[in-house]
C-alpha atoms as a PDB file:
ATOM      1  CA  MET A   1     110.213  49.961 -60.510  1.00  0.00           C
ATOM      2  CA  THR A   2     108.147  53.202 -61.863  1.00  0.00           C
ATOM      3  CA  LYS A   3     105.991  55.264 -59.411  1.00  0.00           C
ATOM      4  CA  ASN A   4     104.486  58.417 -60.420  1.00  0.00           C
ATOM      5  CA  SER A   5     103.062  61.317 -58.335  1.00  0.00           C
ATOM      6  CA  ALA A   6     101.081  59.251 -55.682  1.00  0.00           C
ATOM      7  CA  SER A   7     104.162  58.613 -54.463  1.00  0.00           C
ATOM      8  CA  LYS A   8     105.359  62.045 -53.936  1.00  0.00           C
ATOM      9  CA  ALA A   9     104.952  61.630 -49.902  1.00  0.00           C
ATOM     10  CA  ASP A  10     107.549  58.616 -50.377  1.00  0.00           C
ATOM     11  CA  PRO A  11     111.119  60.266 -48.838  1.00  0.00           C
ATOM     12  CA  VAL A  12     112.943  57.175 -50.632  1.00  0.00           C
ATOM     13  CA  GLU A  13     111.069  57.527 -53.530  1.00  0.00           C
ATOM     14  CA  ARG A  14     111.714  61.501 -53.540  1.00  0.00           C
ATOM     15  CA  ILE A  15     115.335  60.959 -52.932  1.00  0.00           C
ATOM     16  CA  ARG A  16     115.801  58.286 -55.748  1.00  0.00           C
ATOM     17  CA  ARG A  17     114.460  61.012 -58.301  1.00  0.00           C
ATOM     18  CA  ILE A  18     116.205  63.997 -57.473  1.00  0.00           C
ATOM     19  CA  TYR A  19     120.085  61.835 -57.555  1.00  0.00           C
ATOM     20  CA  TRP A  20     119.184  60.288 -61.031  1.00  0.00           C
ATOM     21  CA  TYR A  21     118.033  63.891 -62.485  1.00  0.00           C
ATOM     22  CA  GLU A  22     120.921  65.541 -61.013  1.00  0.00           C
ATOM     23  CA  GLY A  23     123.418  62.491 -62.261  1.00  0.00           C
ATOM     24  CA  VAL A  24     122.429  63.249 -65.954  1.00  0.00           C
ATOM     25  CA  ARG A  25     122.154  66.742 -65.668  1.00  0.00           C
ATOM     26  CA  GLN A  26     125.969  66.625 -63.862  1.00  0.00           C
ATOM     27  CA  ALA A  27     126.936  63.787 -66.906  1.00  0.00           C
ATOM     28  CA  THR A  28     125.575  65.905 -69.793  1.00  0.00           C
ATOM     29  CA  GLY A  29     127.167  69.300 -68.345  1.00  0.00           C
ATOM     30  CA  LEU A  30     123.973  70.950 -68.818  1.00  0.00           C
ATOM     31  CA  THR A  31     122.532  73.362 -66.535  1.00  0.00           C
ATOM     32  CA  SER A  32     118.469  73.095 -66.401  1.00  0.00           C
ATOM     33  CA  ALA A  33     115.521  71.109 -66.572  1.00  0.00           C
ATOM     34  CA  TYR A  34     114.367  72.911 -69.910  1.00  0.00           C
ATOM     35  CA  ALA A  35     118.174  71.960 -71.268  1.00  0.00           C
ATOM     36  CA  LEU A  36     117.655  68.448 -70.489  1.00  0.00           C
ATOM     37  CA  GLU A  37     114.197  68.036 -72.046  1.00  0.00           C
ATOM     38  CA  ARG A  38     115.381  69.560 -75.269  1.00  0.00           C
ATOM     39  CA  LEU A  39     117.694  66.644 -75.263  1.00  0.00           C
ATOM     40  CA  PHE A  40     115.942  63.691 -74.421  1.00  0.00           C
ATOM     41  CA  VAL A  41     112.381  64.537 -75.384  1.00  0.00           C
ATOM     42  CA  THR A  42     111.965  66.330 -78.936  1.00  0.00           C
ATOM     43  CA  ASP A  43     109.013  65.715 -78.875  1.00  0.00           C
ATOM     44  CA  GLY A  44     107.982  67.491 -75.904  1.00  0.00           C
ATOM     45  CA  PHE A  45     108.198  70.938 -77.948  1.00  0.00           C
ATOM     46  CA  GLY A  46     106.099  72.135 -80.658  1.00  0.00           C
ATOM     47  CA  ARG A  47     103.059  74.013 -81.375  1.00  0.00           C
ATOM     48  CA  ASN A  48      99.315  73.139 -80.876  1.00  0.00           C
ATOM     49  CA  LYS A  49      96.335  72.922 -83.598  1.00  0.00           C
ATOM     50  CA  ASP A  50      96.305  76.802 -82.811  1.00  0.00           C
ATOM     51  CA  GLY A  51     100.038  77.664 -83.547  1.00  0.00           C
ATOM     52  CA  ILE A  52     100.155  78.183 -80.067  1.00  0.00           C
ATOM     53  CA  LEU A  53     103.996  76.747 -78.520  1.00  0.00           C
ATOM     54  CA  PHE A  54     103.786  74.259 -75.817  1.00  0.00           C
ATOM     55  CA  ASN A  55     106.632  72.744 -73.828  1.00  0.00           C
ATOM     56  CA  ARG A  56     105.490  69.392 -71.675  1.00  0.00           C
ATOM     57  CA  SER A  57     107.968  70.434 -68.606  1.00  0.00           C
ATOM     58  CA  THR A  58     107.877  66.832 -67.349  1.00  0.00           C
ATOM     59  CA  TRP A  59     111.718  67.335 -66.403  1.00  0.00           C
ATOM     60  CA  VAL A  60     111.000  70.084 -63.798  1.00  0.00           C
ATOM     61  CA  THR A  61     109.071  67.665 -61.861  1.00  0.00           C
ATOM     62  CA  TYR A  62     111.934  65.343 -61.795  1.00  0.00           C
ATOM     63  CA  LYS A  63     114.256  67.534 -60.416  1.00  0.00           C
ATOM     64  CA  LYS A  64     111.972  68.238 -57.392  1.00  0.00           C
ATOM     65  CA  GLY A  65     111.540  64.527 -56.698  1.00  0.00           C
ATOM     66  CA  ASP A  66     107.767  64.771 -57.956  1.00  0.00           C
ATOM     67  CA  HIS A  67     107.621  62.284 -60.514  1.00  0.00           C
ATOM     68  CA  THR A  68     109.190  59.438 -61.377  1.00  0.00           C
ATOM     69  CA  PRO A  69     110.854  58.866 -65.180  1.00  0.00           C
ATOM     70  CA  LYS A  70     109.025  56.423 -67.231  1.00  0.00           C
ATOM     71  CA  PRO A  71     111.029  53.092 -68.191  1.00  0.00           C
ATOM     72  CA  ALA A  72     111.175  54.060 -71.557  1.00  0.00           C
ATOM     73  CA  LEU A  73     112.949  57.582 -70.962  1.00  0.00           C
ATOM     74  CA  VAL A  74     115.178  56.009 -68.191  1.00  0.00           C
ATOM     75  CA  ALA A  75     116.877  53.254 -71.069  1.00  0.00           C
ATOM     76  CA  ARG A  76     116.791  56.151 -73.760  1.00  0.00           C
ATOM     77  CA  VAL A  77     119.339  58.870 -71.169  1.00  0.00           C
ATOM     78  CA  ASP A  78     121.497  55.469 -70.514  1.00  0.00           C
ATOM     79  CA  LEU A  79     122.452  55.588 -74.387  1.00  0.00           C
ATOM     80  CA  LEU A  80     123.884  58.912 -73.421  1.00  0.00           C
ATOM     81  CA  VAL A  81     124.591  58.577 -70.009  1.00  0.00           C
ATOM     82  CA  PRO A  82     125.599  55.439 -69.309  1.00  0.00           C
ATOM     83  CA  GLY A  83     125.087  53.906 -65.187  1.00  0.00           C
ATOM     84  CA  SER A  84     121.825  56.551 -65.221  1.00  0.00           C
ATOM     85  CA  SER A  85     119.705  53.700 -65.454  1.00  0.00           C
ATOM     86  CA  TRP A  86     121.637  51.154 -63.322  1.00  0.00           C
ATOM     87  CA  GLU A  87     121.417  54.318 -60.524  1.00  0.00           C
ATOM     88  CA  ILE A  88     117.807  55.030 -60.615  1.00  0.00           C
ATOM     89  CA  HIS A  89     117.092  51.020 -60.338  1.00  0.00           C
ATOM     90  CA  HIS A  90     119.334  50.203 -57.987  1.00  0.00           C
ATOM     91  CA  ILE A  91     118.513  47.752 -54.990  1.00  0.00           C
ATOM     92  CA  TRP A  92     119.897  50.718 -52.396  1.00  0.00           C
ATOM     93  CA  TRP A  93     115.813  52.346 -52.783  1.00  0.00           C
ATOM     94  CA  GLU A  94     114.407  48.866 -52.300  1.00  0.00           C
ATOM     95  CA  VAL A  95     116.528  48.396 -49.256  1.00  0.00           C
ATOM     96  CA  LEU A  96     115.529  51.695 -47.941  1.00  0.00           C
ATOM     97  CA  ARG A  97     111.755  50.876 -48.142  1.00  0.00           C
ATOM     98  CA  PRO A  98     110.009  50.391 -44.376  1.00  0.00           C
ATOM     99  CA  SER A  99     107.626  48.177 -46.555  1.00  0.00           C
ATOM    100  CA  SER A 100     110.354  45.903 -48.091  1.00  0.00           C
ATOM    101  CA  GLN A 101     110.107  42.237 -46.672  1.00  0.00           C
ATOM    102  CA  ARG A 102     113.951  43.015 -45.802  1.00  0.00           C
ATOM    103  CA  SER A 103     114.157  39.658 -43.993  1.00  0.00           C
ATOM    104  CA  ILE A 104     112.614  37.724 -46.626  1.00  0.00           C
ATOM    105  CA  ASN A 105     114.826  39.570 -49.809  1.00  0.00           C
ATOM    106  CA  SER A 106     117.967  39.774 -48.057  1.00  0.00           C
ATOM    107  CA  ILE A 107     119.945  37.277 -49.004  1.00  0.00           C
ATOM    108  CA  LYS A 108     118.405  37.787 -52.876  1.00  0.00           C
ATOM    109  CA  TRP A 109     119.233  41.126 -52.985  1.00  0.00           C
ATOM    110  CA  LEU A 110     123.612  40.953 -51.072  1.00  0.00           C
ATOM    111  CA  ARG A 111     123.572  38.468 -54.399  1.00  0.00           C
ATOM    112  CA  GLN A 112     122.649  41.499 -56.884  1.00  0.00           C
ATOM    113  CA  LEU A 113     125.739  43.419 -55.295  1.00  0.00           C
ATOM    114  CA  GLU A 114     129.383  43.453 -56.794  1.00  0.00           C
ATOM    115  CA  PRO A 115     130.989  39.859 -56.510  1.00  0.00           C
ATOM    116  CA  GLU A 116     134.270  41.560 -54.672  1.00  0.00           C
ATOM    117  CA  LEU A 117     131.413  42.299 -51.764  1.00  0.00           C
ATOM    118  CA  GLN A 118     129.980  38.940 -52.277  1.00  0.00           C
ATOM    119  CA  ILE A 119     132.851  37.238 -51.618  1.00  0.00           C
ATOM    120  CA  LEU A 120     133.710  39.394 -47.858  1.00  0.00           C
ATOM    121  CA  VAL A 121     130.165  38.801 -46.865  1.00  0.00           C
ATOM    122  CA  PHE A 122     129.102  35.246 -47.974  1.00  0.00           C
ATOM    123  CA  ASP A 123     130.575  32.153 -45.576  1.00  0.00           C
ATOM    124  CA  GLY A 124     129.164  29.459 -48.053  1.00  0.00           C
ATOM    125  CA  ARG A 125     126.771  29.181 -50.439  1.00  0.00           C
ATOM    126  CA  ASP A 126     124.036  31.805 -49.289  1.00  0.00           C
ATOM    127  CA  LYS A 127     125.188  31.650 -45.554  1.00  0.00           C
ATOM    128  CA  ILE A 128     126.410  35.082 -44.166  1.00  0.00           C
ATOM    129  CA  ARG A 129     129.648  34.716 -42.203  1.00  0.00           C
ATOM    130  CA  ASN A 130     129.456  35.132 -38.382  1.00  0.00           C
ATOM    131  CA  HIS A 131     132.901  35.850 -37.546  1.00  0.00           C
ATOM    132  CA  ASP A 132     136.213  38.262 -38.365  1.00  0.00           C
ATOM    133  CA  TRP A 133     133.726  41.446 -39.030  1.00  0.00           C
ATOM    134  CA  PRO A 134     136.241  44.080 -37.557  1.00  0.00           C
ATOM    135  CA  GLN A 135     138.384  43.191 -40.204  1.00  0.00           C
ATOM    136  CA  VAL A 136     135.647  42.848 -43.028  1.00  0.00           C
ATOM    137  CA  LEU A 137     134.372  45.849 -42.164  1.00  0.00           C
ATOM    138  CA  GLU A 138     137.271  47.578 -42.591  1.00  0.00           C
ATOM    139  CA  LYS A 139     137.622  45.713 -46.370  1.00  0.00           C
ATOM    140  CA  ILE A 140     134.103  47.037 -46.697  1.00  0.00           C
ATOM    141  CA  GLU A 141     134.426  50.377 -45.961  1.00  0.00           C
ATOM    142  CA  HIS A 142     137.511  50.825 -48.761  1.00  0.00           C
ATOM    143  CA  ARG A 143     135.369  50.181 -51.432  1.00  0.00           C
ATOM    144  CA  ALA A 144     132.858  52.550 -50.138  1.00  0.00           C
ATOM    145  CA  SER A 145     130.020  52.911 -53.156  1.00  0.00           C
ATOM    146  CA  ILE A 146     125.908  52.501 -53.239  1.00  0.00           C
ATOM    147  CA  ASP A 147     126.766  49.013 -53.101  1.00  0.00           C
ATOM    148  CA  VAL A 148     128.133  48.969 -49.947  1.00  0.00           C
ATOM    149  CA  LEU A 149     125.496  51.113 -48.726  1.00  0.00           C
ATOM    150  CA  ALA A 150     123.197  48.490 -49.494  1.00  0.00           C
ATOM    151  CA  CYS A 151     125.141  45.915 -48.299  1.00  0.00           C
ATOM    152  CA  LEU A 152     125.776  47.138 -44.709  1.00  0.00           C
ATOM    153  CA  THR A 153     122.028  48.388 -44.553  1.00  0.00           C
ATOM    154  CA  ILE A 154     121.224  44.600 -45.015  1.00  0.00           C
ATOM    155  CA  LEU A 155     122.952  43.680 -42.279  1.00  0.00           C
ATOM    156  CA  VAL A 156     122.023  46.149 -40.405  1.00  0.00           C
ATOM    157  CA  PHE A 157     118.402  44.800 -40.206  1.00  0.00           C
ATOM    158  CA  LEU A 158     119.198  41.280 -40.020  1.00  0.00           C
ATOM    159  CA  SER A 159     120.987  41.467 -37.233  1.00  0.00           C
ATOM    160  CA  LEU A 160     118.557  43.404 -35.511  1.00  0.00           C
ATOM    161  CA  GLU A 161     115.763  41.003 -36.702  1.00  0.00           C
ATOM    162  CA  ASN A 162     118.030  38.086 -35.180  1.00  0.00           C
ATOM    163  CA  GLY A 163     118.829  39.845 -31.761  1.00  0.00           C
ATOM    164  CA  HIS A 164     122.240  40.658 -32.570  1.00  0.00           C
ATOM    165  CA  PHE A 165     122.353  44.155 -31.516  1.00  0.00           C
ATOM    166  CA  GLU A 166     125.549  44.907 -30.769  1.00  0.00           C
ATOM    167  CA  GLN A 167     126.827  43.573 -33.851  1.00  0.00           C
ATOM    168  CA  ALA A 168     124.173  45.714 -35.457  1.00  0.00           C
ATOM    169  CA  SER A 169     125.727  48.537 -33.476  1.00  0.00           C
ATOM    170  CA  GLU A 170     128.622  47.654 -35.570  1.00  0.00           C
ATOM    171  CA  PHE A 171     127.352  47.543 -38.650  1.00  0.00           C
ATOM    172  CA  ALA A 172     125.756  50.899 -38.299  1.00  0.00           C
ATOM    173  CA  ARG A 173     129.130  52.967 -37.283  1.00  0.00           C
ATOM    174  CA  SER A 174     130.210  51.058 -40.519  1.00  0.00           C
ATOM    175  CA  THR A 175     127.403  52.408 -42.574  1.00  0.00           C
ATOM    176  CA  LEU A 176     127.422  56.298 -41.288  1.00  0.00           C
ATOM    177  CA  ARG A 177     131.461  56.145 -42.042  1.00  0.00           C
ATOM    178  CA  VAL A 178     130.427  55.458 -45.581  1.00  0.00           C
ATOM    179  CA  LEU A 179     127.698  57.409 -45.723  1.00  0.00           C
ATOM    180  CA  LEU A 180     130.076  60.475 -44.341  1.00  0.00           C
ATOM    181  CA  MET A 181     132.853  59.209 -47.201  1.00  0.00           C
ATOM    182  CA  LEU A 182     130.173  59.672 -49.721  1.00  0.00           C
ATOM    183  CA  GLY A 183     128.774  62.664 -47.901  1.00  0.00           C
ATOM    184  CA  HIS A 184     130.099  65.176 -50.824  1.00  0.00           C
ATOM    185  CA  HIS A 185     128.828  63.718 -53.330  1.00  0.00           C
ATOM    186  CA  PHE A 186     125.554  62.794 -52.262  1.00  0.00           C
ATOM    187  CA  GLU A 187     125.641  66.902 -51.467  1.00  0.00           C
ATOM    188  CA  CYS A 188     126.348  67.369 -54.975  1.00  0.00           C
ATOM    189  CA  ARG A 189     123.562  65.536 -56.180  1.00  0.00           C
ATOM    190  CA  ARG A 190     120.796  67.691 -53.764  1.00  0.00           C
ATOM    191  CA  ILE A 191     120.170  64.830 -51.515  1.00  0.00           C
ATOM    192  CA  GLY A 192     122.468  64.343 -49.028  1.00  0.00           C
ATOM    193  CA  SER A 193     120.904  65.842 -45.751  1.00  0.00           C
ATOM    194  CA  ASP A 194     117.707  64.379 -46.997  1.00  0.00           C
ATOM    195  CA  LEU A 195     119.551  60.923 -46.999  1.00  0.00           C
ATOM    196  CA  PHE A 196     121.006  60.999 -43.602  1.00  0.00           C
ATOM    197  CA  LYS A 197     117.699  62.225 -42.343  1.00  0.00           C
ATOM    198  CA  LEU A 198     115.954  59.178 -43.405  1.00  0.00           C
ATOM    199  CA  TYR A 199     119.013  56.832 -42.377  1.00  0.00           C
ATOM    200  CA  VAL A 200     118.951  58.750 -39.070  1.00  0.00           C
ATOM    201  CA  GLU A 201     115.060  57.948 -38.910  1.00  0.00           C
ATOM    202  CA  GLU A 202     114.769  54.293 -40.301  1.00  0.00           C
ATOM    203  CA  VAL A 203     118.176  52.880 -39.711  1.00  0.00           C
ATOM    204  CA  PHE A 204     120.354  54.514 -36.907  1.00  0.00           C
ATOM    205  CA  ASN A 205     117.144  54.975 -34.220  1.00  0.00           C
ATOM    206  CA  LYS A 206     116.425  51.312 -34.895  1.00  0.00           C
ATOM    207  CA  VAL A 207     119.645  50.169 -33.491  1.00  0.00           C
ATOM    208  CA  GLN A 208     119.956  49.959 -29.771  1.00  0.00           C
ATOM    209  CA  TRP A 209     122.226  47.699 -27.626  1.00  0.00           C
ATOM    210  CA  ASN A 210     123.685  47.012 -23.790  1.00  0.00           C
ATOM    211  CA  GLU A 211     121.416  49.757 -22.477  1.00  0.00           C
ATOM    212  CA  GLN A 212     122.661  52.392 -25.629  1.00  0.00           C
ATOM    213  CA  ARG A 213     121.370  53.852 -28.160  1.00  0.00           C
ATOM    214  CA  PHE A 214     122.942  56.392 -31.078  1.00  0.00           C
ATOM    215  CA  TYR A 215     122.048  60.216 -30.629  1.00  0.00           C
ATOM    216  CA  LEU A 216     122.054  61.890 -33.953  1.00  0.00           C
ATOM    217  CA  ASP A 217     119.000  64.174 -34.250  1.00  0.00           C
ATOM    218  CA  ASP A 218     122.162  66.965 -33.990  1.00  0.00           C
ATOM    219  CA  TYR A 219     124.647  65.344 -36.082  1.00  0.00           C
ATOM    220  CA  ALA A 220     126.365  67.538 -38.874  1.00  0.00           C
ATOM    221  CA  PHE A 221     126.717  65.663 -41.573  1.00  0.00           C
ATOM    222  CA  SER A 222     127.235  68.089 -44.157  1.00  0.00           C
ATOM    223  CA  GLN A 223     129.875  69.657 -42.001  1.00  0.00           C
ATOM    224  CA  TRP A 224     132.037  66.404 -41.299  1.00  0.00           C
ATOM    225  CA  ALA A 225     131.507  65.254 -44.834  1.00  0.00           C
ATOM    226  CA  SER A 226     132.672  68.451 -45.799  1.00  0.00           C
ATOM    227  CA  VAL A 227     136.009  67.915 -43.671  1.00  0.00           C
ATOM    228  CA  LEU A 228     136.541  64.338 -45.063  1.00  0.00           C
ATOM    229  CA  HIS A 229     135.950  65.862 -48.551  1.00  0.00           C
ATOM    230  CA  LEU A 230     138.833  68.618 -47.858  1.00  0.00           C
ATOM    231  CA  VAL A 231     141.055  66.508 -46.255  1.00  0.00           C
ATOM    232  CA  ALA A 232     140.819  63.527 -48.815  1.00  0.00           C
ATOM    233  CA  GLN A 233     141.399  66.652 -52.125  1.00  0.00           C
ATOM    234  CA  ASP A 234     144.701  68.164 -49.835  1.00  0.00           C
ATOM    235  CA  THR A 235     146.082  64.594 -51.059  1.00  0.00           C
ATOM    236  CA  THR A 236     144.584  63.842 -54.598  1.00  0.00           C
ATOM    237  CA  GLU A 237     143.085  65.359 -57.700  1.00  0.00           C
ATOM    238  CA  ALA A 238     139.397  64.496 -58.624  1.00  0.00           C
ATOM    239  CA  GLU A 239     136.507  65.878 -60.301  1.00  0.00           C
ATOM    240  CA  THR A 240     134.224  66.796 -57.392  1.00  0.00           C
ATOM    241  CA  HIS A 241     130.910  65.939 -57.956  1.00  0.00           C
ATOM    242  CA  LEU A 242     132.030  62.192 -58.813  1.00  0.00           C
ATOM    243  CA  MET A 243     131.985  59.513 -56.785  1.00  0.00           C
ATOM    244  CA  PRO A 244     135.213  59.530 -54.623  1.00  0.00           C
ATOM    245  CA  SER A 245     138.236  58.351 -55.482  1.00  0.00           C
ATOM    246  CA  ALA A 246     139.584  54.843 -54.201  1.00  0.00           C
ATOM    247  CA  GLU A 247     143.063  57.276 -53.021  1.00  0.00           C
ATOM    248  CA  GLU A 248     140.328  59.591 -51.854  1.00  0.00           C
ATOM    249  CA  ILE A 249     138.387  56.541 -50.114  1.00  0.00           C
ATOM    250  CA  ARG A 250     142.050  55.741 -48.178  1.00  0.00           C
ATOM    251  CA  VAL A 251     142.497  58.832 -47.157  1.00  0.00           C
ATOM    252  CA  MET A 252     138.271  59.389 -45.490  1.00  0.00           C
ATOM    253  CA  CYS A 253     138.937  55.879 -44.293  1.00  0.00           C
ATOM    254  CA  GLY A 254     142.495  56.530 -42.483  1.00  0.00           C
ATOM    255  CA  VAL A 255     140.549  59.916 -41.188  1.00  0.00           C
ATOM    256  CA  LEU A 256     137.817  58.058 -39.596  1.00  0.00           C
ATOM    257  CA  ARG A 257     140.003  55.431 -37.837  1.00  0.00           C
ATOM    258  CA  GLY A 258     142.204  57.796 -36.173  1.00  0.00           C
ATOM    259  CA  THR A 259     145.348  57.666 -38.751  1.00  0.00           C
ATOM    260  CA  ARG A 260     145.005  61.439 -39.238  1.00  0.00           C
ATOM    261  CA  GLY A 261     144.903  62.276 -35.151  1.00  0.00           C
ATOM    262  CA  LEU A 262     142.308  61.294 -32.646  1.00  0.00           C
ATOM    263  CA  ASP A 263     140.250  64.837 -32.237  1.00  0.00           C
ATOM    264  CA  ILE A 264     138.926  64.795 -35.734  1.00  0.00           C
ATOM    265  CA  ALA A 265     137.947  61.181 -35.291  1.00  0.00           C
ATOM    266  CA  ILE A 266     136.390  61.477 -32.015  1.00  0.00           C
ATOM    267  CA  ALA A 267     135.008  64.919 -34.124  1.00  0.00           C
ATOM    268  CA  ILE A 268     133.508  63.037 -36.524  1.00  0.00           C
ATOM    269  CA  ASP A 269     132.618  59.808 -34.122  1.00  0.00           C
ATOM    270  CA  PRO A 270     128.623  59.503 -33.820  1.00  0.00           C
ATOM    271  CA  LEU A 271     127.368  60.265 -29.949  1.00  0.00           C
ATOM    272  CA  ILE A 272     126.307  57.216 -28.228  1.00  0.00           C
ATOM    273  CA  GLY A 273     124.329  57.667 -24.805  1.00  0.00           C
ATOM    274  CA  PRO A 274     121.589  55.654 -22.695  1.00  0.00           C
ATOM    275  CA  ASP A 275     119.013  54.402 -24.546  1.00  0.00           C
ATOM    276  CA  LEU A 276     115.966  56.197 -22.558  1.00  0.00           C
ATOM    277  CA  ASP A 277     113.286  54.168 -24.047  1.00  0.00           C
ATOM    278  CA  ILE A 278     114.255  50.993 -21.761  1.00  0.00           C
ATOM    279  CA  GLY A 279     113.747  53.240 -18.303  1.00  0.00           C
ATOM    280  CA  PRO A 280     115.632  55.597 -16.620  1.00  0.00           C
ATOM    281  CA  PRO A 281     119.322  54.717 -17.183  1.00  0.00           C
ATOM    282  CA  ARG A 282     121.732  53.523 -14.529  1.00  0.00           C
ATOM    283  CA  LYS A 283     124.659  55.660 -13.069  1.00  0.00           C
ATOM    284  CA  LYS A 284     127.124  53.834 -14.524  1.00  0.00           C
ATOM    285  CA  VAL A 285     125.965  54.570 -18.084  1.00  0.00           C
ATOM    286  CA  ILE A 286     125.030  57.935 -17.028  1.00  0.00           C
ATOM    287  CA  ASP A 287     128.679  58.681 -16.375  1.00  0.00           C
ATOM    288  CA  ALA A 288     130.036  56.744 -19.208  1.00  0.00           C
ATOM    289  CA  PHE A 289     127.789  59.325 -21.772  1.00  0.00           C
ATOM    290  CA  GLU A 290     129.653  62.256 -19.872  1.00  0.00           C
ATOM    291  CA  ARG A 291     132.761  61.233 -20.136  1.00  0.00           C
ATOM    292  CA  ALA A 292     132.293  60.570 -23.959  1.00  0.00           C
ATOM    293  CA  LEU A 293     130.678  63.557 -24.466  1.00  0.00           C
ATOM    294  CA  CYS A 294     133.134  65.897 -22.552  1.00  0.00           C
ATOM    295  CA  ILE A 295     136.008  64.412 -24.926  1.00  0.00           C
ATOM    296  CA  HIS A 296     133.540  64.623 -27.962  1.00  0.00           C
ATOM    297  CA  ARG A 297     132.946  68.740 -27.236  1.00  0.00           C
ATOM    298  CA  GLN A 298     136.839  69.145 -26.640  1.00  0.00           C
ATOM    299  CA  SER A 299     137.561  67.302 -29.896  1.00  0.00           C
ATOM    300  CA  VAL A 300     135.350  69.222 -31.408  1.00  0.00           C
ATOM    301  CA  SER A 301     136.750  72.723 -30.072  1.00  0.00           C
ATOM    302  CA  SER A 302     140.297  71.662 -30.617  1.00  0.00           C
ATOM    303  CA  MET A 303     139.498  71.419 -34.041  1.00  0.00           C
ATOM    304  CA  LEU A 304     137.275  75.155 -34.519  1.00  0.00           C
ATOM    305  CA  PRO A 305     140.504  77.246 -34.730  1.00  0.00           C
ATOM    306  CA  GLY A 306     142.048  75.533 -38.214  1.00  0.00           C
ATOM    307  CA  GLU A 307     138.434  75.173 -39.285  1.00  0.00           C
END
């Protein structure tokens, strides 16, 4: 999967490039695109026939997300930074592309994920389970990773295609929880805000059920991801830019599911309100939204003094 500057306007491709670049930079401990180029592209520096020094400066374009590294370079980098090739070629990026044939490729994609996830998702050879999802989703969230995000995103779209709209909302809630748990990692890779915006536009805004939808346009993703990270860091010790450890994920799962107090769980929960696309909401739906909004505001306010 290689794309050049012609795909500069593709938000998924831009995020993918930056994520790869930052992962390589952090793993090597280098601080600049110039230093990375010196390390990986030794023939990118020299003198031309007139004796003038030159530098191809291609790594600056990776840093900005303007160009995609060529397969040969990705393979070369992977020798020094194992796993970097896996990150840039992960099926998650294909799942996120609006033009991808999700319904055709979904089973094939799910079969490329870690075996433990496949055991949880499939009920038989290639049949996705249709029971016990609340318990299964909790187990999936405790495995928070890029594989898990790909898995949950696929399940959201499959549920929407099959007309299982309420189930899609549960998968979407689970997806948001995993995004939050990995949020600090994504912020360190410089994609946090853009990735969340992409999910709002391409995933969450498409989920509508029982006259309701998510209200996430003003959601403070970076703030709540930081809160979760700080709570987890109080109980564990890990390098801050890496994927969270199993213990950190266990703590964050507890926070999101209310075991550390309802205020923080309600404050972080997404707002759910009337789906105005289907017409004026019924009074019952408006009343429920106003109650939820009031409780949400109180929960956020109760957290502010100890922020």
